[in-house]
Amino acid sequence: MSTKDERLVLLGQQIKKIRKSKKVSQLNLSIKLGITREHLSKLERGVTYPSVKILFAIVDLLNIKFKDLINF
């Protein structure tokens, strides 16, 4: 796995970890993001790249700082 792929997986794991710590379901967050639960699942597994718009929305919805997403 390349470094780029590893970072994408780590980002997804961080999103999932923070989401769970906030006790937010995948379905609930995906609805608020305007994406499908399946799409959020792919983001959390590092299968697909999130847009900057989605990342900022995640930060806002989970009430965290952007640096918290990339602190892995």
PDB file of N, CA and C in Angstrom:
ATOM      1  N   MET A   1       0.848  -1.168   0.000  1.00  0.00           N
ATOM      2  CA  MET A   1       0.000   0.000   0.000  1.00  0.00           C
ATOM      3  C   MET A   1       0.897   1.236   0.000  1.00  0.00           C
ATOM      4  N   SER A   2       0.583   2.202  -0.826  1.00  0.00           N
ATOM      5  CA  SER A   2       1.395   3.410  -0.889  1.00  0.00           C
ATOM      6  C   SER A   2       1.087   4.322   0.294  1.00  0.00           C
ATOM      7  N   THR A   3       1.963   5.271   0.521  1.00  0.00           N
ATOM      8  CA  THR A   3       1.771   6.238   1.605  1.00  0.00           C
ATOM      9  C   THR A   3       0.469   6.992   1.412  1.00  0.00           C
ATOM     10  N   LYS A   4       0.161   7.321   0.173  1.00  0.00           N
ATOM     11  CA  LYS A   4      -1.069   8.054  -0.134  1.00  0.00           C
ATOM     12  C   LYS A   4      -2.281   7.221   0.292  1.00  0.00           C
ATOM     13  N   ASP A   5      -2.290   5.939  -0.028  1.00  0.00           N
ATOM     14  CA  ASP A   5      -3.394   5.061   0.344  1.00  0.00           C
ATOM     15  C   ASP A   5      -3.478   4.897   1.855  1.00  0.00           C
ATOM     16  N   GLU A   6      -2.348   4.792   2.513  1.00  0.00           N
ATOM     17  CA  GLU A   6      -2.321   4.636   3.968  1.00  0.00           C
ATOM     18  C   GLU A   6      -2.933   5.846   4.650  1.00  0.00           C
ATOM     19  N   ARG A   7      -2.633   7.032   4.159  1.00  0.00           N
ATOM     20  CA  ARG A   7      -3.192   8.252   4.749  1.00  0.00           C
ATOM     21  C   ARG A   7      -4.696   8.325   4.546  1.00  0.00           C
ATOM     22  N   LEU A   8      -5.159   7.865   3.408  1.00  0.00           N
ATOM     23  CA  LEU A   8      -6.598   7.860   3.142  1.00  0.00           C
ATOM     24  C   LEU A   8      -7.303   6.913   4.109  1.00  0.00           C
ATOM     25  N   VAL A   9      -6.725   5.761   4.348  1.00  0.00           N
ATOM     26  CA  VAL A   9      -7.289   4.802   5.309  1.00  0.00           C
ATOM     27  C   VAL A   9      -7.253   5.390   6.715  1.00  0.00           C
ATOM     28  N   LEU A  10      -6.149   6.026   7.084  1.00  0.00           N
ATOM     29  CA  LEU A  10      -6.036   6.636   8.410  1.00  0.00           C
ATOM     30  C   LEU A  10      -7.059   7.758   8.591  1.00  0.00           C
ATOM     31  N   LEU A  11      -7.276   8.553   7.551  1.00  0.00           N
ATOM     32  CA  LEU A  11      -8.287   9.607   7.613  1.00  0.00           C
ATOM     33  C   LEU A  11      -9.669   9.002   7.836  1.00  0.00           C
ATOM     34  N   GLY A  12      -9.979   7.963   7.105  1.00  0.00           N
ATOM     35  CA  GLY A  12     -11.269   7.299   7.266  1.00  0.00           C
ATOM     36  C   GLY A  12     -11.444   6.726   8.652  1.00  0.00           C
ATOM     37  N   GLN A  13     -10.396   6.122   9.173  1.00  0.00           N
ATOM     38  CA  GLN A  13     -10.459   5.563  10.531  1.00  0.00           C
ATOM     39  C   GLN A  13     -10.660   6.668  11.561  1.00  0.00           C
ATOM     40  N   GLN A  14     -10.036   7.802  11.332  1.00  0.00           N
ATOM     41  CA  GLN A  14     -10.178   8.937  12.248  1.00  0.00           C
ATOM     42  C   GLN A  14     -11.612   9.480  12.220  1.00  0.00           C
ATOM     43  N   ILE A  15     -12.194   9.583  11.041  1.00  0.00           N
ATOM     44  CA  ILE A  15     -13.583  10.033  10.923  1.00  0.00           C
ATOM     45  C   ILE A  15     -14.491   9.082  11.696  1.00  0.00           C
ATOM     46  N   LYS A  16     -14.292   7.804  11.502  1.00  0.00           N
ATOM     47  CA  LYS A  16     -15.119   6.797  12.183  1.00  0.00           C
ATOM     48  C   LYS A  16     -14.935   6.869  13.698  1.00  0.00           C
ATOM     49  N   LYS A  17     -13.694   6.980  14.136  1.00  0.00           N
ATOM     50  CA  LYS A  17     -13.399   7.034  15.576  1.00  0.00           C
ATOM     51  C   LYS A  17     -14.088   8.240  16.218  1.00  0.00           C
ATOM     52  N   ILE A  18     -13.981   9.390  15.585  1.00  0.00           N
ATOM     53  CA  ILE A  18     -14.587  10.603  16.142  1.00  0.00           C
ATOM     54  C   ILE A  18     -16.107  10.500  16.097  1.00  0.00           C
ATOM     55  N   ARG A  19     -16.646   9.999  14.987  1.00  0.00           N
ATOM     56  CA  ARG A  19     -18.103   9.835  14.859  1.00  0.00           C
ATOM     57  C   ARG A  19     -18.627   8.959  15.981  1.00  0.00           C
ATOM     58  N   LYS A  20     -17.966   7.840  16.217  1.00  0.00           N
ATOM     59  CA  LYS A  20     -18.403   6.921  17.271  1.00  0.00           C
ATOM     60  C   LYS A  20     -18.250   7.543  18.657  1.00  0.00           C
ATOM     61  N   SER A  21     -17.182   8.301  18.872  1.00  0.00           N
ATOM     62  CA  SER A  21     -16.978   8.934  20.179  1.00  0.00           C
ATOM     63  C   SER A  21     -18.069   9.958  20.466  1.00  0.00           C
ATOM     64  N   LYS A  22     -18.643  10.510  19.396  1.00  0.00           N
ATOM     65  CA  LYS A  22     -19.738  11.478  19.536  1.00  0.00           C
ATOM     66  C   LYS A  22     -21.100  10.778  19.551  1.00  0.00           C
ATOM     67  N   LYS A  23     -21.062   9.437  19.456  1.00  0.00           N
ATOM     68  CA  LYS A  23     -22.286   8.614  19.462  1.00  0.00           C
ATOM     69  C   LYS A  23     -23.254   8.990  18.336  1.00  0.00           C
ATOM     70  N   VAL A  24     -22.673   9.165  17.146  1.00  0.00           N
ATOM     71  CA  VAL A  24     -23.446   9.485  15.953  1.00  0.00           C
ATOM     72  C   VAL A  24     -23.400   8.275  15.033  1.00  0.00           C
ATOM     73  N   SER A  25     -24.561   7.839  14.571  1.00  0.00           N
ATOM     74  CA  SER A  25     -24.596   6.680  13.669  1.00  0.00           C
ATOM     75  C   SER A  25     -24.147   7.091  12.271  1.00  0.00           C
ATOM     76  N   GLN A  26     -23.710   6.088  11.516  1.00  0.00           N
ATOM     77  CA  GLN A  26     -23.358   6.337  10.116  1.00  0.00           C
ATOM     78  C   GLN A  26     -24.558   6.896   9.370  1.00  0.00           C
ATOM     79  N   LEU A  27     -25.714   6.324   9.600  1.00  0.00           N
ATOM     80  CA  LEU A  27     -26.915   6.760   8.893  1.00  0.00           C
ATOM     81  C   LEU A  27     -27.231   8.215   9.224  1.00  0.00           C
ATOM     82  N   ASN A  28     -27.188   8.566  10.488  1.00  0.00           N
ATOM     83  CA  ASN A  28     -27.507   9.932  10.904  1.00  0.00           C
ATOM     84  C   ASN A  28     -26.529  10.935  10.299  1.00  0.00           C
ATOM     85  N   LEU A  29     -25.239  10.631  10.374  1.00  0.00           N
ATOM     86  CA  LEU A  29     -24.240  11.550   9.814  1.00  0.00           C
ATOM     87  C   LEU A  29     -24.379  11.636   8.300  1.00  0.00           C
ATOM     88  N   SER A  30     -24.597  10.516   7.653  1.00  0.00           N
ATOM     89  CA  SER A  30     -24.706  10.545   6.189  1.00  0.00           C
ATOM     90  C   SER A  30     -25.900  11.382   5.736  1.00  0.00           C
ATOM     91  N   ILE A  31     -27.014  11.288   6.453  1.00  0.00           N
ATOM     92  CA  ILE A  31     -28.191  12.094   6.113  1.00  0.00           C
ATOM     93  C   ILE A  31     -27.867  13.582   6.245  1.00  0.00           C
ATOM     94  N   LYS A  32     -27.214  13.942   7.348  1.00  0.00           N
ATOM     95  CA  LYS A  32     -26.853  15.343   7.562  1.00  0.00           C
ATOM     96  C   LYS A  32     -25.844  15.840   6.536  1.00  0.00           C
ATOM     97  N   LEU A  33     -25.000  14.932   6.037  1.00  0.00           N
ATOM     98  CA  LEU A  33     -24.019  15.288   5.017  1.00  0.00           C
ATOM     99  C   LEU A  33     -24.622  15.342   3.618  1.00  0.00           C
ATOM    100  N   GLY A  34     -25.807  14.739   3.466  1.00  0.00           N
ATOM    101  CA  GLY A  34     -26.435  14.692   2.148  1.00  0.00           C
ATOM    102  C   GLY A  34     -25.832  13.633   1.245  1.00  0.00           C
ATOM    103  N   ILE A  35     -25.287  12.580   1.863  1.00  0.00           N
ATOM    104  CA  ILE A  35     -24.726  11.465   1.099  1.00  0.00           C
ATOM    105  C   ILE A  35     -25.363  10.165   1.600  1.00  0.00           C
ATOM    106  N   THR A  36     -25.144   9.091   0.887  1.00  0.00           N
ATOM    107  CA  THR A  36     -25.698   7.813   1.324  1.00  0.00           C
ATOM    108  C   THR A  36     -24.842   7.225   2.446  1.00  0.00           C
ATOM    109  N   ARG A  37     -25.429   6.328   3.214  1.00  0.00           N
ATOM    110  CA  ARG A  37     -24.683   5.638   4.268  1.00  0.00           C
ATOM    111  C   ARG A  37     -23.545   4.845   3.645  1.00  0.00           C
ATOM    112  N   GLU A  38     -23.803   4.276   2.471  1.00  0.00           N
ATOM    113  CA  GLU A  38     -22.776   3.498   1.776  1.00  0.00           C
ATOM    114  C   GLU A  38     -21.573   4.369   1.403  1.00  0.00           C
ATOM    115  N   HIS A  39     -21.855   5.598   0.976  1.00  0.00           N
ATOM    116  CA  HIS A  39     -20.772   6.515   0.629  1.00  0.00           C
ATOM    117  C   HIS A  39     -19.935   6.842   1.873  1.00  0.00           C
ATOM    118  N   LEU A  40     -20.608   7.118   2.985  1.00  0.00           N
ATOM    119  CA  LEU A  40     -19.887   7.391   4.234  1.00  0.00           C
ATOM    120  C   LEU A  40     -19.065   6.177   4.649  1.00  0.00           C
ATOM    121  N   SER A  41     -19.613   4.993   4.488  1.00  0.00           N
ATOM    122  CA  SER A  41     -18.881   3.776   4.807  1.00  0.00           C
ATOM    123  C   SER A  41     -17.606   3.685   3.973  1.00  0.00           C
ATOM    124  N   LYS A  42     -17.684   4.019   2.703  1.00  0.00           N
ATOM    125  CA  LYS A  42     -16.504   3.991   1.834  1.00  0.00           C
ATOM    126  C   LYS A  42     -15.467   5.019   2.277  1.00  0.00           C
ATOM    127  N   LEU A  43     -15.943   6.195   2.719  1.00  0.00           N
ATOM    128  CA  LEU A  43     -15.022   7.214   3.220  1.00  0.00           C
ATOM    129  C   LEU A  43     -14.303   6.716   4.467  1.00  0.00           C
ATOM    130  N   GLU A  44     -15.058   6.092   5.368  1.00  0.00           N
ATOM    131  CA  GLU A  44     -14.478   5.617   6.617  1.00  0.00           C
ATOM    132  C   GLU A  44     -13.528   4.441   6.418  1.00  0.00           C
ATOM    133  N   ARG A  45     -13.706   3.698   5.352  1.00  0.00           N
ATOM    134  CA  ARG A  45     -12.805   2.575   5.068  1.00  0.00           C
ATOM    135  C   ARG A  45     -11.630   2.980   4.190  1.00  0.00           C
ATOM    136  N   GLY A  46     -11.608   4.232   3.746  1.00  0.00           N
ATOM    137  CA  GLY A  46     -10.520   4.703   2.899  1.00  0.00           C
ATOM    138  C   GLY A  46     -10.609   4.208   1.473  1.00  0.00           C
ATOM    139  N   VAL A  47     -11.824   3.858   1.049  1.00  0.00           N
ATOM    140  CA  VAL A  47     -12.028   3.344  -0.304  1.00  0.00           C
ATOM    141  C   VAL A  47     -12.170   4.485  -1.312  1.00  0.00           C
ATOM    142  N   THR A  48     -12.726   5.595  -0.856  1.00  0.00           N
ATOM    143  CA  THR A  48     -12.956   6.729  -1.747  1.00  0.00           C
ATOM    144  C   THR A  48     -12.488   8.014  -1.079  1.00  0.00           C
ATOM    145  N   TYR A  49     -12.092   8.969  -1.897  1.00  0.00           N
ATOM    146  CA  TYR A  49     -11.615  10.250  -1.389  1.00  0.00           C
ATOM    147  C   TYR A  49     -12.780  11.156  -1.022  1.00  0.00           C
ATOM    148  N   PRO A  50     -12.729  11.790   0.155  1.00  0.00           N
ATOM    149  CA  PRO A  50     -13.756  12.760   0.496  1.00  0.00           C
ATOM    150  C   PRO A  50     -13.454  14.101  -0.170  1.00  0.00           C
ATOM    151  N   SER A  51     -14.470  14.830  -0.526  1.00  0.00           N
ATOM    152  CA  SER A  51     -14.252  16.181  -1.042  1.00  0.00           C
ATOM    153  C   SER A  51     -13.939  17.097   0.133  1.00  0.00           C
ATOM    154  N   VAL A  52     -13.358  18.225  -0.156  1.00  0.00           N
ATOM    155  CA  VAL A  52     -13.073  19.206   0.887  1.00  0.00           C
ATOM    156  C   VAL A  52     -14.395  19.684   1.496  1.00  0.00           C
ATOM    157  N   LYS A  53     -15.408  19.816   0.678  1.00  0.00           N
ATOM    158  CA  LYS A  53     -16.726  20.227   1.153  1.00  0.00           C
ATOM    159  C   LYS A  53     -17.257  19.234   2.197  1.00  0.00           C
ATOM    160  N   ILE A  54     -17.118  17.951   1.932  1.00  0.00           N
ATOM    161  CA  ILE A  54     -17.574  16.912   2.872  1.00  0.00           C
ATOM    162  C   ILE A  54     -16.733  16.961   4.146  1.00  0.00           C
ATOM    163  N   LEU A  55     -15.429  17.144   4.020  1.00  0.00           N
ATOM    164  CA  LEU A  55     -14.570  17.216   5.207  1.00  0.00           C
ATOM    165  C   LEU A  55     -14.965  18.389   6.104  1.00  0.00           C
ATOM    166  N   PHE A  56     -15.205  19.552   5.507  1.00  0.00           N
ATOM    167  CA  PHE A  56     -15.620  20.704   6.300  1.00  0.00           C
ATOM    168  C   PHE A  56     -16.984  20.474   6.933  1.00  0.00           C
ATOM    169  N   ALA A  57     -17.878  19.797   6.231  1.00  0.00           N
ATOM    170  CA  ALA A  57     -19.192  19.483   6.793  1.00  0.00           C
ATOM    171  C   ALA A  57     -19.055  18.522   7.966  1.00  0.00           C
ATOM    172  N   ILE A  58     -18.185  17.533   7.847  1.00  0.00           N
ATOM    173  CA  ILE A  58     -17.944  16.592   8.946  1.00  0.00           C
ATOM    174  C   ILE A  58     -17.428  17.340  10.168  1.00  0.00           C
ATOM    175  N   VAL A  59     -16.488  18.240   9.956  1.00  0.00           N
ATOM    176  CA  VAL A  59     -15.937  19.049  11.044  1.00  0.00           C
ATOM    177  C   VAL A  59     -17.054  19.832  11.736  1.00  0.00           C
ATOM    178  N   ASP A  60     -17.900  20.470  10.949  1.00  0.00           N
ATOM    179  CA  ASP A  60     -18.993  21.269  11.514  1.00  0.00           C
ATOM    180  C   ASP A  60     -20.003  20.400  12.246  1.00  0.00           C
ATOM    181  N   LEU A  61     -20.404  19.305  11.623  1.00  0.00           N
ATOM    182  CA  LEU A  61     -21.441  18.455  12.212  1.00  0.00           C
ATOM    183  C   LEU A  61     -20.971  17.729  13.471  1.00  0.00           C
ATOM    184  N   LEU A  62     -19.713  17.365  13.523  1.00  0.00           N
ATOM    185  CA  LEU A  62     -19.189  16.669  14.698  1.00  0.00           C
ATOM    186  C   LEU A  62     -18.600  17.638  15.730  1.00  0.00           C
ATOM    187  N   ASN A  63     -18.649  18.939  15.372  1.00  0.00           N
ATOM    188  CA  ASN A  63     -18.197  19.991  16.278  1.00  0.00           C
ATOM    189  C   ASN A  63     -16.751  19.760  16.735  1.00  0.00           C
ATOM    190  N   ILE A  64     -15.887  19.603  15.741  1.00  0.00           N
ATOM    191  CA  ILE A  64     -14.461  19.395  15.991  1.00  0.00           C
ATOM    192  C   ILE A  64     -13.662  20.403  15.175  1.00  0.00           C
ATOM    193  N   LYS A  65     -12.370  20.441  15.403  1.00  0.00           N
ATOM    194  CA  LYS A  65     -11.488  21.264  14.582  1.00  0.00           C
ATOM    195  C   LYS A  65     -10.967  20.426  13.426  1.00  0.00           C
ATOM    196  N   PHE A  66     -10.666  21.092  12.321  1.00  0.00           N
ATOM    197  CA  PHE A  66     -10.178  20.374  11.147  1.00  0.00           C
ATOM    198  C   PHE A  66      -8.925  19.567  11.483  1.00  0.00           C
ATOM    199  N   LYS A  67      -8.059  20.114  12.324  1.00  0.00           N
ATOM    200  CA  LYS A  67      -6.813  19.417  12.669  1.00  0.00           C
ATOM    201  C   LYS A  67      -7.100  18.083  13.373  1.00  0.00           C
ATOM    202  N   ASP A  68      -8.266  17.966  14.029  1.00  0.00           N
ATOM    203  CA  ASP A  68      -8.623  16.706  14.694  1.00  0.00           C
ATOM    204  C   ASP A  68      -8.783  15.563  13.675  1.00  0.00           C
ATOM    205  N   LEU A  69      -9.191  15.902  12.460  1.00  0.00           N
ATOM    206  CA  LEU A  69      -9.366  14.881  11.422  1.00  0.00           C
ATOM    207  C   LEU A  69      -8.039  14.317  10.944  1.00  0.00           C
ATOM    208  N   ILE A  70      -7.023  15.161  10.951  1.00  0.00           N
ATOM    209  CA  ILE A  70      -5.742  14.710  10.392  1.00  0.00           C
ATOM    210  C   ILE A  70      -4.698  14.457  11.473  1.00  0.00           C
ATOM    211  N   ASN A  71      -5.144  14.372  12.703  1.00  0.00           N
ATOM    212  CA  ASN A  71      -4.236  14.096  13.821  1.00  0.00           C
ATOM    213  C   ASN A  71      -4.169  12.588  14.062  1.00  0.00           C
ATOM    214  N   PHE A  72      -3.470  11.895  13.142  1.00  0.00           N
ATOM    215  CA  PHE A  72      -3.342  10.446  13.286  1.00  0.00           C
ATOM    216  C   PHE A  72      -1.911  10.020  13.132  1.00  0.00           C
TER     217      PHE A  72
END
